[in-house]
All heavy atoms as atom14 arrays in JSON, in Angstrom:
{
  "sequence": "CAIPGMRVVAVSSWWESAPIPPDPASPPFVNGVALLHG",
  "atom14_mask": [
    [1, 1, 1, 1, 1, 1, 0, 0, 0, 0, 0, 0, 0, 0],
    [1, 1, 1, 1, 1, 0, 0, 0, 0, 0, 0, 0, 0, 0],
    [1, 1, 1, 1, 1, 1, 1, 1, 0, 0, 0, 0, 0, 0],
    [1, 1, 1, 1, 1, 1, 1, 0, 0, 0, 0, 0, 0, 0],
    [1, 1, 1, 1, 0, 0, 0, 0, 0, 0, 0, 0, 0, 0],
    [1, 1, 1, 1, 1, 1, 1, 1, 0, 0, 0, 0, 0, 0],
    [1, 1, 1, 1, 1, 1, 1, 1, 1, 1, 1, 0, 0, 0],
    [1, 1, 1, 1, 1, 1, 1, 0, 0, 0, 0, 0, 0, 0],
    [1, 1, 1, 1, 1, 1, 1, 0, 0, 0, 0, 0, 0, 0],
    [1, 1, 1, 1, 1, 0, 0, 0, 0, 0, 0, 0, 0, 0],
    [1, 1, 1, 1, 1, 1, 1, 0, 0, 0, 0, 0, 0, 0],
    [1, 1, 1, 1, 1, 1, 0, 0, 0, 0, 0, 0, 0, 0],
    [1, 1, 1, 1, 1, 1, 0, 0, 0, 0, 0, 0, 0, 0],
    [1, 1, 1, 1, 1, 1, 1, 1, 1, 1, 1, 1, 1, 1],
    [1, 1, 1, 1, 1, 1, 1, 1, 1, 1, 1, 1, 1, 1],
    [1, 1, 1, 1, 1, 1, 1, 1, 1, 0, 0, 0, 0, 0],
    [1, 1, 1, 1, 1, 1, 0, 0, 0, 0, 0, 0, 0, 0],
    [1, 1, 1, 1, 1, 0, 0, 0, 0, 0, 0, 0, 0, 0],
    [1, 1, 1, 1, 1, 1, 1, 0, 0, 0, 0, 0, 0, 0],
    [1, 1, 1, 1, 1, 1, 1, 1, 0, 0, 0, 0, 0, 0],
    [1, 1, 1, 1, 1, 1, 1, 0, 0, 0, 0, 0, 0, 0],
    [1, 1, 1, 1, 1, 1, 1, 0, 0, 0, 0, 0, 0, 0],
    [1, 1, 1, 1, 1, 1, 1, 1, 0, 0, 0, 0, 0, 0],
    [1, 1, 1, 1, 1, 1, 1, 0, 0, 0, 0, 0, 0, 0],
    [1, 1, 1, 1, 1, 0, 0, 0, 0, 0, 0, 0, 0, 0],
    [1, 1, 1, 1, 1, 1, 0, 0, 0, 0, 0, 0, 0, 0],
    [1, 1, 1, 1, 1, 1, 1, 0, 0, 0, 0, 0, 0, 0],
    [1, 1, 1, 1, 1, 1, 1, 0, 0, 0, 0, 0, 0, 0],
    [1, 1, 1, 1, 1, 1, 1, 1, 1, 1, 1, 0, 0, 0],
    [1, 1, 1, 1, 1, 1, 1, 0, 0, 0, 0, 0, 0, 0],
    [1, 1, 1, 1, 1, 1, 1, 1, 0, 0, 0, 0, 0, 0],
    [1, 1, 1, 1, 0, 0, 0, 0, 0, 0, 0, 0, 0, 0],
    [1, 1, 1, 1, 1, 1, 1, 0, 0, 0, 0, 0, 0, 0],
    [1, 1, 1, 1, 1, 0, 0, 0, 0, 0, 0, 0, 0, 0],
    [1, 1, 1, 1, 1, 1, 1, 1, 0, 0, 0, 0, 0, 0],
    [1, 1, 1, 1, 1, 1, 1, 1, 0, 0, 0, 0, 0, 0],
    [1, 1, 1, 1, 1, 1, 1, 1, 1, 1, 0, 0, 0, 0],
    [1, 1, 1, 1, 0, 0, 0, 0, 0, 0, 0, 0, 0, 0]
  ],
  "atom14_positions": [
    [[111.14, 98.39, 100.25], [112.47, 98.18, 100.82], [113.23, 99.49, 101.01], [114.18, 99.56, 101.8], [113.3, 97.25, 99.92], [112.72, 95.54, 99.89], [0.0, 0.0, 0.0], [0.0, 0.0, 0.0], [0.0, 0.0, 0.0], [0.0, 0.0, 0.0], [0.0, 0.0, 0.0], [0.0, 0.0, 0.0], [0.0, 0.0, 0.0], [0.0, 0.0, 0.0]],
    [[112.84, 100.52, 100.28], [113.54, 101.81, 100.32], [112.93, 102.8, 101.29], [113.41, 103.93, 101.4], [113.59, 102.4, 98.91], [0.0, 0.0, 0.0], [0.0, 0.0, 0.0], [0.0, 0.0, 0.0], [0.0, 0.0, 0.0], [0.0, 0.0, 0.0], [0.0, 0.0, 0.0], [0.0, 0.0, 0.0], [0.0, 0.0, 0.0], [0.0, 0.0, 0.0]],
    [[111.88, 102.41, 102.01], [111.28, 103.34, 102.97], [112.24, 103.51, 104.15], [112.61, 102.53, 104.78], [109.91, 102.82, 103.48], [108.89, 102.77, 102.32], [109.38, 103.72, 104.61], [107.57, 102.15, 102.69], [0.0, 0.0, 0.0], [0.0, 0.0, 0.0], [0.0, 0.0, 0.0], [0.0, 0.0, 0.0], [0.0, 0.0, 0.0], [0.0, 0.0, 0.0]],
    [[112.64, 104.75, 104.43], [113.59, 104.98, 105.51], [113.08, 104.44, 106.85], [111.93, 104.61, 107.22], [113.7, 106.52, 105.58], [113.32, 106.97, 104.21], [112.28, 106.0, 103.73], [0.0, 0.0, 0.0], [0.0, 0.0, 0.0], [0.0, 0.0, 0.0], [0.0, 0.0, 0.0], [0.0, 0.0, 0.0], [0.0, 0.0, 0.0], [0.0, 0.0, 0.0]],
    [[113.97, 103.73, 107.55], [113.64, 103.18, 108.86], [112.88, 101.87, 108.84], [112.62, 101.31, 109.89], [0.0, 0.0, 0.0], [0.0, 0.0, 0.0], [0.0, 0.0, 0.0], [0.0, 0.0, 0.0], [0.0, 0.0, 0.0], [0.0, 0.0, 0.0], [0.0, 0.0, 0.0], [0.0, 0.0, 0.0], [0.0, 0.0, 0.0], [0.0, 0.0, 0.0]],
    [[112.55, 101.37, 107.65], [111.79, 100.12, 107.54], [112.56, 99.14, 106.7], [113.34, 99.52, 105.83], [110.42, 100.37, 106.9], [109.52, 101.35, 107.64], [109.11, 100.88, 109.34], [108.01, 99.5, 109.06], [0.0, 0.0, 0.0], [0.0, 0.0, 0.0], [0.0, 0.0, 0.0], [0.0, 0.0, 0.0], [0.0, 0.0, 0.0], [0.0, 0.0, 0.0]],
    [[112.32, 97.85, 106.96], [112.9, 96.82, 106.1], [111.87, 95.72, 105.89], [111.11, 95.37, 106.78], [114.19, 96.25, 106.66], [114.07, 95.49, 107.94], [115.44, 95.06, 108.46], [115.3, 94.52, 109.8], [115.07, 93.23, 110.07], [114.95, 92.36, 109.09], [114.93, 92.83, 111.31], [0.0, 0.0, 0.0], [0.0, 0.0, 0.0], [0.0, 0.0, 0.0]],
    [[111.81, 95.21, 104.68], [110.88, 94.13, 104.34], [111.48, 92.83, 104.83], [112.63, 92.5, 104.5], [110.63, 94.07, 102.81], [109.78, 92.87, 102.44], [109.97, 95.36, 102.35], [0.0, 0.0, 0.0], [0.0, 0.0, 0.0], [0.0, 0.0, 0.0], [0.0, 0.0, 0.0], [0.0, 0.0, 0.0], [0.0, 0.0, 0.0], [0.0, 0.0, 0.0]],
    [[110.73, 92.1, 105.65], [111.23, 90.83, 106.2], [110.52, 89.63, 105.6], [111.02, 88.5, 105.7], [111.19, 90.79, 107.73], [112.13, 91.83, 108.32], [109.79, 90.98, 108.27], [0.0, 0.0, 0.0], [0.0, 0.0, 0.0], [0.0, 0.0, 0.0], [0.0, 0.0, 0.0], [0.0, 0.0, 0.0], [0.0, 0.0, 0.0], [0.0, 0.0, 0.0]],
    [[109.36, 89.83, 104.99], [108.64, 88.71, 104.36], [107.63, 89.28, 103.36], [107.07, 90.35, 103.55], [107.9, 87.87, 105.4], [0.0, 0.0, 0.0], [0.0, 0.0, 0.0], [0.0, 0.0, 0.0], [0.0, 0.0, 0.0], [0.0, 0.0, 0.0], [0.0, 0.0, 0.0], [0.0, 0.0, 0.0], [0.0, 0.0, 0.0], [0.0, 0.0, 0.0]],
    [[107.43, 88.51, 102.28], [106.44, 88.84, 101.28], [105.66, 87.56, 100.97], [106.25, 86.51, 100.78], [107.06, 89.39, 99.98], [106.0, 89.72, 98.94], [107.93, 90.62, 100.26], [0.0, 0.0, 0.0], [0.0, 0.0, 0.0], [0.0, 0.0, 0.0], [0.0, 0.0, 0.0], [0.0, 0.0, 0.0], [0.0, 0.0, 0.0], [0.0, 0.0, 0.0]],
    [[104.36, 87.67, 100.97], [103.5, 86.51, 100.71], [103.6, 86.08, 99.25], [104.2, 86.75, 98.42], [102.05, 86.87, 101.02], [101.55, 87.77, 100.02], [0.0, 0.0, 0.0], [0.0, 0.0, 0.0], [0.0, 0.0, 0.0], [0.0, 0.0, 0.0], [0.0, 0.0, 0.0], [0.0, 0.0, 0.0], [0.0, 0.0, 0.0], [0.0, 0.0, 0.0]],
    [[102.92, 85.0, 98.95], [102.68, 84.61, 97.57], [101.79, 85.69, 96.95], [101.17, 86.49, 97.63], [101.93, 83.28, 97.53], [102.63, 82.27, 98.19], [0.0, 0.0, 0.0], [0.0, 0.0, 0.0], [0.0, 0.0, 0.0], [0.0, 0.0, 0.0], [0.0, 0.0, 0.0], [0.0, 0.0, 0.0], [0.0, 0.0, 0.0], [0.0, 0.0, 0.0]],
    [[101.68, 85.62, 95.63], [100.73, 86.47, 94.91], [99.43, 85.69, 94.76], [99.43, 84.49, 94.51], [101.27, 86.92, 93.55], [102.5, 87.77, 93.69], [103.72, 87.52, 93.18], [102.63, 89.01, 94.39], [104.61, 88.51, 93.51], [103.96, 89.44, 94.25], [101.74, 89.8, 95.13], [104.44, 90.63, 94.81], [102.22, 90.99, 95.69], [103.56, 91.38, 95.54]],
    [[98.35, 86.41, 94.9], [97.0, 85.85, 94.82], [96.2, 86.63, 93.79], [96.42, 87.82, 93.61], [96.32, 85.94, 96.19], [96.99, 85.12, 97.26], [98.16, 85.41, 97.92], [96.55, 83.88, 97.77], [98.45, 84.42, 98.81], [97.47, 83.47, 98.75], [95.44, 83.08, 97.49], [97.34, 82.29, 99.45], [95.3, 81.9, 98.24], [96.23, 81.52, 99.2]],
    [[95.27, 85.95, 93.15], [94.35, 86.63, 92.22], [92.97, 86.62, 92.84], [92.51, 85.59, 93.35], [94.32, 85.91, 90.89], [93.44, 86.62, 89.87], [93.43, 85.91, 88.53], [94.3, 86.22, 87.7], [92.57, 85.01, 88.36], [0.0, 0.0, 0.0], [0.0, 0.0, 0.0], [0.0, 0.0, 0.0], [0.0, 0.0, 0.0], [0.0, 0.0, 0.0]],
    [[92.32, 87.78, 92.84], [91.01, 87.88, 93.47], [90.08, 88.76, 92.64], [90.53, 89.62, 91.88], [91.11, 88.46, 94.88], [91.54, 89.81, 94.82], [0.0, 0.0, 0.0], [0.0, 0.0, 0.0], [0.0, 0.0, 0.0], [0.0, 0.0, 0.0], [0.0, 0.0, 0.0], [0.0, 0.0, 0.0], [0.0, 0.0, 0.0], [0.0, 0.0, 0.0]],
    [[88.8, 88.51, 92.81], [87.78, 89.32, 92.15], [87.66, 90.66, 92.88], [87.87, 90.72, 94.1], [86.44, 88.57, 92.18], [0.0, 0.0, 0.0], [0.0, 0.0, 0.0], [0.0, 0.0, 0.0], [0.0, 0.0, 0.0], [0.0, 0.0, 0.0], [0.0, 0.0, 0.0], [0.0, 0.0, 0.0], [0.0, 0.0, 0.0], [0.0, 0.0, 0.0]],
    [[87.3, 91.72, 92.16], [87.12, 93.02, 92.83], [86.0, 92.98, 93.85], [85.01, 92.24, 93.67], [86.74, 93.95, 91.67], [87.15, 93.25, 90.42], [87.1, 91.79, 90.72], [0.0, 0.0, 0.0], [0.0, 0.0, 0.0], [0.0, 0.0, 0.0], [0.0, 0.0, 0.0], [0.0, 0.0, 0.0], [0.0, 0.0, 0.0], [0.0, 0.0, 0.0]],
    [[86.16, 93.74, 94.93], [85.1, 93.91, 95.93], [84.91, 95.42, 96.1], [85.89, 96.13, 96.38], [85.5, 93.28, 97.3], [85.64, 91.78, 97.14], [84.5, 93.62, 98.37], [86.09, 91.07, 98.41], [0.0, 0.0, 0.0], [0.0, 0.0, 0.0], [0.0, 0.0, 0.0], [0.0, 0.0, 0.0], [0.0, 0.0, 0.0], [0.0, 0.0, 0.0]],
    [[83.71, 95.91, 95.87], [82.51, 95.18, 95.47], [82.66, 94.64, 94.05], [83.46, 95.15, 93.27], [81.39, 96.21, 95.59], [82.09, 97.54, 95.42], [83.47, 97.36, 95.98], [0.0, 0.0, 0.0], [0.0, 0.0, 0.0], [0.0, 0.0, 0.0], [0.0, 0.0, 0.0], [0.0, 0.0, 0.0], [0.0, 0.0, 0.0], [0.0, 0.0, 0.0]],
    [[81.85, 93.61, 93.7], [81.96, 93.03, 92.35], [81.77, 94.07, 91.25], [80.92, 94.96, 91.36], [80.82, 92.0, 92.32], [80.57, 91.71, 93.76], [80.85, 92.97, 94.52], [0.0, 0.0, 0.0], [0.0, 0.0, 0.0], [0.0, 0.0, 0.0], [0.0, 0.0, 0.0], [0.0, 0.0, 0.0], [0.0, 0.0, 0.0], [0.0, 0.0, 0.0]],
    [[82.6, 93.95, 90.24], [82.51, 94.85, 89.08], [82.9, 94.04, 87.83], [84.07, 93.8, 87.6], [83.46, 96.04, 89.26], [83.45, 97.0, 88.09], [82.74, 96.77, 87.11], [84.17, 98.01, 88.19], [0.0, 0.0, 0.0], [0.0, 0.0, 0.0], [0.0, 0.0, 0.0], [0.0, 0.0, 0.0], [0.0, 0.0, 0.0], [0.0, 0.0, 0.0]],
    [[81.92, 93.62, 87.04], [82.22, 92.78, 85.88], [83.12, 93.47, 84.86], [83.78, 92.8, 84.07], [80.85, 92.49, 85.26], [79.83, 93.09, 86.15], [80.5, 93.87, 87.21], [0.0, 0.0, 0.0], [0.0, 0.0, 0.0], [0.0, 0.0, 0.0], [0.0, 0.0, 0.0], [0.0, 0.0, 0.0], [0.0, 0.0, 0.0], [0.0, 0.0, 0.0]],
    [[83.18, 94.8, 84.89], [84.04, 95.51, 83.94], [85.48, 95.66, 84.45], [86.33, 96.11, 83.71], [83.45, 96.91, 83.68], [0.0, 0.0, 0.0], [0.0, 0.0, 0.0], [0.0, 0.0, 0.0], [0.0, 0.0, 0.0], [0.0, 0.0, 0.0], [0.0, 0.0, 0.0], [0.0, 0.0, 0.0], [0.0, 0.0, 0.0], [0.0, 0.0, 0.0]],
    [[85.73, 95.24, 85.68], [87.04, 95.4, 86.27], [87.81, 94.08, 86.22], [87.28, 93.04, 86.6], [86.88, 95.85, 87.73], [88.12, 96.06, 88.32], [0.0, 0.0, 0.0], [0.0, 0.0, 0.0], [0.0, 0.0, 0.0], [0.0, 0.0, 0.0], [0.0, 0.0, 0.0], [0.0, 0.0, 0.0], [0.0, 0.0, 0.0], [0.0, 0.0, 0.0]],
    [[89.06, 94.11, 85.78], [89.87, 92.87, 85.76], [90.14, 92.36, 87.18], [90.05, 93.13, 88.15], [91.17, 93.26, 85.08], [91.08, 94.7, 84.74], [89.8, 95.26, 85.26], [0.0, 0.0, 0.0], [0.0, 0.0, 0.0], [0.0, 0.0, 0.0], [0.0, 0.0, 0.0], [0.0, 0.0, 0.0], [0.0, 0.0, 0.0], [0.0, 0.0, 0.0]],
    [[90.51, 91.09, 87.33], [90.87, 90.56, 88.64], [92.09, 91.3, 89.19], [92.9, 91.84, 88.44], [91.21, 89.1, 88.4], [90.91, 88.82, 86.98], [90.64, 90.09, 86.28], [0.0, 0.0, 0.0], [0.0, 0.0, 0.0], [0.0, 0.0, 0.0], [0.0, 0.0, 0.0], [0.0, 0.0, 0.0], [0.0, 0.0, 0.0], [0.0, 0.0, 0.0]],
    [[92.22, 91.29, 90.5], [93.37, 91.89, 91.17], [94.45, 90.87, 91.42], [94.17, 89.7, 91.62], [92.94, 92.47, 92.54], [92.38, 93.83, 92.48], [91.04, 94.04, 92.22], [93.19, 94.94, 92.67], [90.51, 95.32, 92.17], [92.66, 96.21, 92.61], [91.31, 96.41, 92.37], [0.0, 0.0, 0.0], [0.0, 0.0, 0.0], [0.0, 0.0, 0.0]],
    [[95.68, 91.34, 91.44], [96.82, 90.62, 91.98], [97.03, 91.19, 93.37], [97.07, 92.42, 93.53], [98.08, 90.79, 91.13], [99.32, 90.19, 91.8], [97.87, 90.22, 89.73], [0.0, 0.0, 0.0], [0.0, 0.0, 0.0], [0.0, 0.0, 0.0], [0.0, 0.0, 0.0], [0.0, 0.0, 0.0], [0.0, 0.0, 0.0], [0.0, 0.0, 0.0]],
    [[97.15, 90.33, 94.4], [97.29, 90.79, 95.78], [98.38, 90.05, 96.5], [98.66, 88.89, 96.19], [95.98, 90.55, 96.55], [94.79, 91.26, 95.96], [93.97, 90.62, 95.32], [94.7, 92.53, 96.17], [0.0, 0.0, 0.0], [0.0, 0.0, 0.0], [0.0, 0.0, 0.0], [0.0, 0.0, 0.0], [0.0, 0.0, 0.0], [0.0, 0.0, 0.0]],
    [[98.94, 90.7, 97.48], [99.9, 90.11, 98.38], [99.99, 90.95, 99.63], [99.37, 92.0, 99.73], [0.0, 0.0, 0.0], [0.0, 0.0, 0.0], [0.0, 0.0, 0.0], [0.0, 0.0, 0.0], [0.0, 0.0, 0.0], [0.0, 0.0, 0.0], [0.0, 0.0, 0.0], [0.0, 0.0, 0.0], [0.0, 0.0, 0.0], [0.0, 0.0, 0.0]],
    [[100.79, 90.5, 100.58], [101.04, 91.26, 101.8], [102.53, 91.19, 102.12], [103.15, 90.14, 102.0], [100.23, 90.7, 103.0], [100.68, 91.32, 104.33], [98.74, 90.94, 102.81], [0.0, 0.0, 0.0], [0.0, 0.0, 0.0], [0.0, 0.0, 0.0], [0.0, 0.0, 0.0], [0.0, 0.0, 0.0], [0.0, 0.0, 0.0], [0.0, 0.0, 0.0]],
    [[103.06, 92.36, 102.51], [104.47, 92.44, 102.94], [104.5, 92.72, 104.45], [103.69, 93.5, 104.95], [105.18, 93.54, 102.19], [0.0, 0.0, 0.0], [0.0, 0.0, 0.0], [0.0, 0.0, 0.0], [0.0, 0.0, 0.0], [0.0, 0.0, 0.0], [0.0, 0.0, 0.0], [0.0, 0.0, 0.0], [0.0, 0.0, 0.0], [0.0, 0.0, 0.0]],
    [[105.42, 92.06, 105.11], [105.69, 92.29, 106.52], [106.97, 93.11, 106.6], [108.01, 92.7, 106.09], [105.84, 90.96, 107.27], [106.3, 91.05, 108.73], [105.28, 91.79, 109.59], [106.57, 89.64, 109.27], [0.0, 0.0, 0.0], [0.0, 0.0, 0.0], [0.0, 0.0, 0.0], [0.0, 0.0, 0.0], [0.0, 0.0, 0.0], [0.0, 0.0, 0.0]],
    [[106.87, 94.27, 107.24], [108.02, 95.16, 107.41], [108.3, 95.3, 108.9], [107.39, 95.23, 109.73], [107.74, 96.54, 106.83], [107.63, 96.68, 105.32], [106.33, 96.15, 104.8], [107.76, 98.14, 104.91], [0.0, 0.0, 0.0], [0.0, 0.0, 0.0], [0.0, 0.0, 0.0], [0.0, 0.0, 0.0], [0.0, 0.0, 0.0], [0.0, 0.0, 0.0]],
    [[109.57, 95.48, 109.22], [109.97, 95.82, 110.6], [110.72, 97.14, 110.57], [111.41, 97.43, 109.59], [110.89, 94.75, 111.18], [110.19, 93.5, 111.56], [110.86, 92.39, 112.01], [108.88, 93.15, 111.61], [109.99, 91.42, 112.29], [108.79, 91.87, 112.05], [0.0, 0.0, 0.0], [0.0, 0.0, 0.0], [0.0, 0.0, 0.0], [0.0, 0.0, 0.0]],
    [[110.56, 97.9, 111.6], [111.29, 99.16, 111.68], [110.6, 100.18, 112.54], [109.74, 99.84, 113.35], [0.0, 0.0, 0.0], [0.0, 0.0, 0.0], [0.0, 0.0, 0.0], [0.0, 0.0, 0.0], [0.0, 0.0, 0.0], [0.0, 0.0, 0.0], [0.0, 0.0, 0.0], [0.0, 0.0, 0.0], [0.0, 0.0, 0.0], [0.0, 0.0, 0.0]]
  ]
}
């Protein structure tokens, strides 16, 4: 939201996913996507 010239207009839900490529020693990821305009 603080990036000059840009504004966040939407943020997705949070999702949990396995690492790609698979890594049994790596915890799952939290992921989302933000839509910015500017």
